[in-house]
PDB file of N, CA and C in Angstrom:
ATOM      1  N   MET A   1       0.906  -1.149  -0.083  1.00  0.00           N
ATOM      2  CA  MET A   1      -0.041   0.098   0.036  1.00  0.00           C
ATOM      3  C   MET A   1       1.007   1.221  -0.159  1.00  0.00           C
ATOM      4  N   GLN A   2       0.705   2.238  -1.005  1.00  0.00           N
ATOM      5  CA  GLN A   2       1.275   3.460  -1.065  1.00  0.00           C
ATOM      6  C   GLN A   2       0.576   4.418  -0.142  1.00  0.00           C
ATOM      7  N   SER A   3       1.595   5.042   0.740  1.00  0.00           N
ATOM      8  CA  SER A   3       0.887   6.081   1.447  1.00  0.00           C
ATOM      9  C   SER A   3       0.963   7.464   0.826  1.00  0.00           C
ATOM     10  N   LYS A   4       0.300   8.233   0.866  1.00  0.00           N
ATOM     11  CA  LYS A   4       0.120   9.773   0.567  1.00  0.00           C
ATOM     12  C   LYS A   4       0.291  10.598   1.644  1.00  0.00           C
ATOM     13  N   ARG A   5       0.674  11.536   1.512  1.00  0.00           N
ATOM     14  CA  ARG A   5       1.161  12.341   2.603  1.00  0.00           C
ATOM     15  C   ARG A   5      -0.395  13.151   3.110  1.00  0.00           C
ATOM     16  N   LEU A   6      -0.199  13.715   4.253  1.00  0.00           N
ATOM     17  CA  LEU A   6      -1.402  14.268   4.803  1.00  0.00           C
ATOM     18  C   LEU A   6      -0.924  15.745   4.863  1.00  0.00           C
ATOM     19  N   TRP A   7      -1.943  16.631   4.449  1.00  0.00           N
ATOM     20  CA  TRP A   7      -1.776  18.029   3.962  1.00  0.00           C
ATOM     21  C   TRP A   7      -2.303  18.748   5.173  1.00  0.00           C
ATOM     22  N   THR A   8      -1.615  19.932   5.583  1.00  0.00           N
ATOM     23  CA  THR A   8      -2.301  20.710   6.507  1.00  0.00           C
ATOM     24  C   THR A   8      -3.195  21.503   5.869  1.00  0.00           C
ATOM     25  N   ILE A   9      -4.276  22.059   6.942  1.00  0.00           N
ATOM     26  CA  ILE A   9      -5.391  22.838   6.346  1.00  0.00           C
ATOM     27  C   ILE A   9      -4.776  23.951   5.503  1.00  0.00           C
ATOM     28  N   ARG A  10      -3.952  24.450   5.881  1.00  0.00           N
ATOM     29  CA  ARG A  10      -3.286  25.734   4.966  1.00  0.00           C
ATOM     30  C   ARG A  10      -2.898  25.285   3.554  1.00  0.00           C
ATOM     31  N   GLU A  11      -2.098  24.134   3.469  1.00  0.00           N
ATOM     32  CA  GLU A  11      -1.797  23.591   2.315  1.00  0.00           C
ATOM     33  C   GLU A  11      -2.956  23.141   1.542  1.00  0.00           C
ATOM     34  N   ALA A  12      -4.058  22.262   2.058  1.00  0.00           N
ATOM     35  CA  ALA A  12      -5.110  21.945   1.434  1.00  0.00           C
ATOM     36  C   ALA A  12      -6.071  23.210   0.597  1.00  0.00           C
ATOM     37  N   ALA A  13      -6.171  24.161   1.583  1.00  0.00           N
ATOM     38  CA  ALA A  13      -6.603  25.285   1.316  1.00  0.00           C
ATOM     39  C   ALA A  13      -6.211  25.986   0.005  1.00  0.00           C
ATOM     40  N   SER A  14      -4.808  26.067  -0.013  1.00  0.00           N
ATOM     41  CA  SER A  14      -4.212  26.769  -1.144  1.00  0.00           C
ATOM     42  C   SER A  14      -4.243  25.826  -2.323  1.00  0.00           C
ATOM     43  N   ALA A  15      -4.330  24.570  -2.331  1.00  0.00           N
ATOM     44  CA  ALA A  15      -4.459  23.945  -3.417  1.00  0.00           C
ATOM     45  C   ALA A  15      -5.672  23.831  -3.926  1.00  0.00           C
ATOM     46  N   LEU A  16      -6.720  24.103  -3.255  1.00  0.00           N
ATOM     47  CA  LEU A  16      -8.158  24.103  -3.615  1.00  0.00           C
ATOM     48  C   LEU A  16      -8.659  25.481  -4.012  1.00  0.00           C
ATOM     49  N   GLY A  17      -7.676  26.524  -3.699  1.00  0.00           N
ATOM     50  CA  GLY A  17      -8.181  28.001  -3.818  1.00  0.00           C
ATOM     51  C   GLY A  17      -9.100  28.359  -3.132  1.00  0.00           C
ATOM     52  N   LEU A  18      -9.124  28.048  -1.817  1.00  0.00           N
ATOM     53  CA  LEU A  18     -10.061  28.367  -0.459  1.00  0.00           C
ATOM     54  C   LEU A  18      -9.276  28.863   0.543  1.00  0.00           C
ATOM     55  N   GLN A  19      -9.974  29.455   1.260  1.00  0.00           N
ATOM     56  CA  GLN A  19      -9.400  30.037   2.595  1.00  0.00           C
ATOM     57  C   GLN A  19      -9.328  28.872   3.692  1.00  0.00           C
ATOM     58  N   PRO A  20      -8.396  29.045   4.392  1.00  0.00           N
ATOM     59  CA  PRO A  20      -8.531  27.794   5.348  1.00  0.00           C
ATOM     60  C   PRO A  20      -9.592  27.797   6.373  1.00  0.00           C
ATOM     61  N   GLY A  21     -10.345  28.937   6.606  1.00  0.00           N
ATOM     62  CA  GLY A  21     -11.498  29.149   7.509  1.00  0.00           C
ATOM     63  C   GLY A  21     -12.631  28.251   6.893  1.00  0.00           C
ATOM     64  N   THR A  22     -12.576  28.140   5.427  1.00  0.00           N
ATOM     65  CA  THR A  22     -13.678  27.364   4.842  1.00  0.00           C
ATOM     66  C   THR A  22     -13.465  25.890   5.087  1.00  0.00           C
ATOM     67  N   LEU A  23     -12.379  25.498   5.178  1.00  0.00           N
ATOM     68  CA  LEU A  23     -12.050  24.145   5.382  1.00  0.00           C
ATOM     69  C   LEU A  23     -12.220  23.742   6.695  1.00  0.00           C
ATOM     70  N   TYR A  24     -12.153  24.668   7.965  1.00  0.00           N
ATOM     71  CA  TYR A  24     -12.444  24.460   9.254  1.00  0.00           C
ATOM     72  C   TYR A  24     -13.901  24.586   9.270  1.00  0.00           C
ATOM     73  N   THR A  25     -14.449  25.463   8.735  1.00  0.00           N
ATOM     74  CA  THR A  25     -16.204  25.073   8.678  1.00  0.00           C
ATOM     75  C   THR A  25     -16.735  24.019   8.053  1.00  0.00           C
ATOM     76  N   TRP A  26     -15.835  23.516   7.004  1.00  0.00           N
ATOM     77  CA  TRP A  26     -16.475  22.185   6.539  1.00  0.00           C
ATOM     78  C   TRP A  26     -16.180  20.992   7.584  1.00  0.00           C
ATOM     79  N   ALA A  27     -15.185  21.105   8.053  1.00  0.00           N
ATOM     80  CA  ALA A  27     -14.673  19.982   8.950  1.00  0.00           C
ATOM     81  C   ALA A  27     -15.833  20.167  10.304  1.00  0.00           C
ATOM     82  N   TRP A  28     -16.192  21.369  10.794  1.00  0.00           N
ATOM     83  CA  TRP A  28     -17.269  21.442  11.891  1.00  0.00           C
ATOM     84  C   TRP A  28     -18.507  21.010  11.526  1.00  0.00           C
ATOM     85  N   LYS A  29     -18.946  21.052  10.306  1.00  0.00           N
ATOM     86  CA  LYS A  29     -20.177  20.859   9.607  1.00  0.00           C
ATOM     87  C   LYS A  29     -20.161  19.326   9.000  1.00  0.00           C
ATOM     88  N   LYS A  30     -19.155  18.830   9.069  1.00  0.00           N
ATOM     89  CA  LYS A  30     -18.866  17.254   8.472  1.00  0.00           C
ATOM     90  C   LYS A  30     -19.257  17.402   7.097  1.00  0.00           C
ATOM     91  N   LYS A  31     -18.800  18.252   6.152  1.00  0.00           N
ATOM     92  CA  LYS A  31     -19.034  18.309   4.871  1.00  0.00           C
ATOM     93  C   LYS A  31     -17.984  18.432   4.165  1.00  0.00           C
ATOM     94  N   GLY A  32     -18.205  18.299   2.538  1.00  0.00           N
ATOM     95  CA  GLY A  32     -16.993  18.661   1.749  1.00  0.00           C
ATOM     96  C   GLY A  32     -15.742  17.566   1.686  1.00  0.00           C
ATOM     97  N   LEU A  33     -14.720  17.651   2.384  1.00  0.00           N
ATOM     98  CA  LEU A  33     -13.834  16.803   2.621  1.00  0.00           C
ATOM     99  C   LEU A  33     -13.723  15.762   3.955  1.00  0.00           C
ATOM    100  N   ARG A  34     -13.108  14.814   3.669  1.00  0.00           N
ATOM    101  CA  ARG A  34     -13.000  14.025   5.013  1.00  0.00           C
ATOM    102  C   ARG A  34     -11.629  14.332   5.745  1.00  0.00           C
ATOM    103  N   PHE A  35     -11.681  14.625   6.871  1.00  0.00           N
ATOM    104  CA  PHE A  35     -10.428  15.123   7.546  1.00  0.00           C
ATOM    105  C   PHE A  35      -9.925  14.062   8.488  1.00  0.00           C
ATOM    106  N   VAL A  36      -8.745  14.181   8.710  1.00  0.00           N
ATOM    107  CA  VAL A  36      -8.177  13.305   9.656  1.00  0.00           C
ATOM    108  C   VAL A  36      -7.689  14.062  10.924  1.00  0.00           C
ATOM    109  N   HIS A  37      -7.917  13.500  12.130  1.00  0.00           N
ATOM    110  CA  HIS A  37      -7.299  14.289  13.440  1.00  0.00           C
ATOM    111  C   HIS A  37      -6.053  13.508  13.802  1.00  0.00           C
ATOM    112  N   VAL A  38      -5.101  14.266  13.801  1.00  0.00           N
ATOM    113  CA  VAL A  38      -3.830  13.890  14.302  1.00  0.00           C
ATOM    114  C   VAL A  38      -3.467  14.896  15.577  1.00  0.00           C
ATOM    115  N   GLY A  39      -4.027  14.183  16.774  1.00  0.00           N
ATOM    116  CA  GLY A  39      -3.813  15.089  17.914  1.00  0.00           C
ATOM    117  C   GLY A  39      -5.041  15.995  18.103  1.00  0.00           C
ATOM    118  N   ARG A  40      -4.744  17.125  17.999  1.00  0.00           N
ATOM    119  CA  ARG A  40      -5.812  18.326  17.944  1.00  0.00           C
ATOM    120  C   ARG A  40      -5.781  18.887  16.563  1.00  0.00           C
ATOM    121  N   ALA A  41      -4.700  18.592  15.781  1.00  0.00           N
ATOM    122  CA  ALA A  41      -4.509  18.942  14.465  1.00  0.00           C
ATOM    123  C   ALA A  41      -5.494  18.409  13.340  1.00  0.00           C
ATOM    124  N   LEU A  42      -5.866  19.117  12.412  1.00  0.00           N
ATOM    125  CA  LEU A  42      -6.733  18.619  11.392  1.00  0.00           C
ATOM    126  C   LEU A  42      -5.775  18.448  10.306  1.00  0.00           C
ATOM    127  N   ARG A  43      -5.730  17.241   9.351  1.00  0.00           N
ATOM    128  CA  ARG A  43      -5.168  16.999   8.174  1.00  0.00           C
ATOM    129  C   ARG A  43      -6.096  16.515   7.272  1.00  0.00           C
ATOM    130  N   VAL A  44      -5.767  16.510   5.980  1.00  0.00           N
ATOM    131  CA  VAL A  44      -6.379  16.197   4.747  1.00  0.00           C
ATOM    132  C   VAL A  44      -5.343  15.172   3.826  1.00  0.00           C
ATOM    133  N   SER A  45      -5.855  14.045   3.700  1.00  0.00           N
ATOM    134  CA  SER A  45      -4.870  13.302   2.816  1.00  0.00           C
ATOM    135  C   SER A  45      -5.035  13.781   1.280  1.00  0.00           C
ATOM    136  N   GLU A  46      -3.821  13.689   0.621  1.00  0.00           N
ATOM    137  CA  GLU A  46      -3.571  13.858  -0.638  1.00  0.00           C
ATOM    138  C   GLU A  46      -4.539  13.085  -1.599  1.00  0.00           C
ATOM    139  N   LYS A  47      -5.099  11.960  -1.178  1.00  0.00           N
ATOM    140  CA  LYS A  47      -5.886  10.946  -2.043  1.00  0.00           C
ATOM    141  C   LYS A  47      -7.373  11.597  -1.800  1.00  0.00           C
ATOM    142  N   GLU A  48      -7.698  12.255  -0.582  1.00  0.00           N
ATOM    143  CA  GLU A  48      -9.009  12.735  -0.388  1.00  0.00           C
ATOM    144  C   GLU A  48      -9.152  13.973  -1.225  1.00  0.00           C
ATOM    145  N   ILE A  49      -8.123  14.903  -1.468  1.00  0.00           N
ATOM    146  CA  ILE A  49      -8.115  16.145  -2.187  1.00  0.00           C
ATOM    147  C   ILE A  49      -8.348  15.601  -3.663  1.00  0.00           C
ATOM    148  N   GLU A  50      -7.424  14.780  -4.090  1.00  0.00           N
ATOM    149  CA  GLU A  50      -7.593  14.344  -5.458  1.00  0.00           C
ATOM    150  C   GLU A  50      -9.178  13.685  -5.647  1.00  0.00           C
ATOM    151  N   ALA A  51      -9.749  13.089  -4.749  1.00  0.00           N
ATOM    152  CA  ALA A  51     -11.076  12.507  -5.006  1.00  0.00           C
ATOM    153  C   ALA A  51     -12.013  13.605  -5.110  1.00  0.00           C
ATOM    154  N   PHE A  52     -11.927  14.620  -4.073  1.00  0.00           N
ATOM    155  CA  PHE A  52     -12.655  15.761  -4.017  1.00  0.00           C
ATOM    156  C   PHE A  52     -12.870  16.499  -5.346  1.00  0.00           C
ATOM    157  N   VAL A  53     -11.645  16.706  -5.800  1.00  0.00           N
ATOM    158  CA  VAL A  53     -11.380  17.474  -6.998  1.00  0.00           C
ATOM    159  C   VAL A  53     -12.137  16.706  -8.296  1.00  0.00           C
ATOM    160  N   ARG A  54     -12.053  15.317  -8.290  1.00  0.00           N
ATOM    161  CA  ARG A  54     -12.791  14.390  -9.108  1.00  0.00           C
ATOM    162  C   ARG A  54     -14.191  14.586  -9.223  1.00  0.00           C
ATOM    163  N   ARG A  55     -14.664  14.428  -7.867  1.00  0.00           N
ATOM    164  CA  ARG A  55     -16.312  14.672  -7.432  1.00  0.00           C
ATOM    165  C   ARG A  55     -16.845  15.574  -7.934  1.00  0.00           C
ATOM    166  N   ASN A  56     -16.049  16.812  -7.962  1.00  0.00           N
ATOM    167  CA  ASN A  56     -16.624  18.163  -8.107  1.00  0.00           C
ATOM    168  C   ASN A  56     -16.247  18.811  -9.611  1.00  0.00           C
ATOM    169  N   THR A  57     -15.642  18.009 -10.327  1.00  0.00           N
ATOM    170  CA  THR A  57     -15.272  18.333 -11.813  1.00  0.00           C
ATOM    171  C   THR A  57     -16.470  18.288 -12.697  1.00  0.00           C
ATOM    172  N   THR A  58     -16.951  19.313 -13.351  1.00  0.00           N
ATOM    173  CA  THR A  58     -17.954  19.387 -14.531  1.00  0.00           C
ATOM    174  C   THR A  58     -17.421  19.349 -15.825  1.00  0.00           C
ATOM    175  N   HIS A  59     -18.211  19.015 -16.671  1.00  0.00           N
ATOM    176  CA  HIS A  59     -17.815  18.987 -17.983  1.00  0.00           C
ATOM    177  C   HIS A  59     -18.657  19.784 -18.918  1.00  0.00           C
ATOM    178  N   PRO A  60     -18.024  20.651 -19.989  1.00  0.00           N
ATOM    179  CA  PRO A  60     -18.884  21.539 -20.512  1.00  0.00           C
ATOM    180  C   PRO A  60     -20.179  20.817 -21.445  1.00  0.00           C
ATOM    181  N   ILE A  61     -20.796  21.400 -21.472  1.00  0.00           N
ATOM    182  CA  ILE A  61     -22.185  21.048 -22.445  1.00  0.00           C
ATOM    183  C   ILE A  61     -21.568  21.135 -23.905  1.00  0.00           C
ATOM    184  N   LYS A  62     -21.717  20.224 -24.855  1.00  0.00           N
ATOM    185  CA  LYS A  62     -21.372  20.397 -26.099  1.00  0.00           C
ATOM    186  C   LYS A  62     -22.382  21.331 -26.761  1.00  0.00           C
ATOM    187  N   GLU A  63     -21.947  22.279 -27.463  1.00  0.00           N
ATOM    188  CA  GLU A  63     -22.844  23.192 -28.283  1.00  0.00           C
ATOM    189  C   GLU A  63     -23.574  22.540 -29.375  1.00  0.00           C
ATOM    190  N   GLN A  64     -24.730  22.830 -29.711  1.00  0.00           N
ATOM    191  CA  GLN A  64     -25.646  22.166 -30.781  1.00  0.00           C
ATOM    192  C   GLN A  64     -25.087  22.874 -31.895  1.00  0.00           C
ATOM    193  N   ALA A  65     -25.144  22.310 -33.018  1.00  0.00           N
ATOM    194  CA  ALA A  65     -25.081  22.870 -34.353  1.00  0.00           C
ATOM    195  C   ALA A  65     -25.952  24.249 -34.327  1.00  0.00           C
ATOM    196  N   LYS A  66     -25.267  25.345 -34.931  1.00  0.00           N
ATOM    197  CA  LYS A  66     -25.883  26.409 -35.055  1.00  0.00           C
ATOM    198  C   LYS A  66     -26.915  26.430 -36.181  1.00  0.00           C
ATOM    199  N   ASP A  67     -26.493  25.640 -37.247  1.00  0.00           N
ATOM    200  CA  ASP A  67     -27.507  25.764 -38.524  1.00  0.00           C
ATOM    201  C   ASP A  67     -28.833  24.779 -38.159  1.00  0.00           C
ATOM    202  N   GLN A  68     -29.003  24.424 -36.811  1.00  0.00           N
ATOM    203  CA  GLN A  68     -30.252  23.645 -36.734  1.00  0.00           C
ATOM    204  C   GLN A  68     -31.428  24.494 -36.236  1.00  0.00           C
TER     205      GLN A  68
END
């Protein structure tokens, strides 16, 4: 089993383009990402960040032909 590193809240927020406070709010509300408690600190696994991005990726709708 390959282990992926655990990211701090600041690192995860930066990678996702969010404020750290947003991730703390998500952790408190138990939404968005799955968090890991390491003592009193919160961490996010690299695998969870990748899965979150995949789950929230949208694909553009193909344009219909203009001559129809």
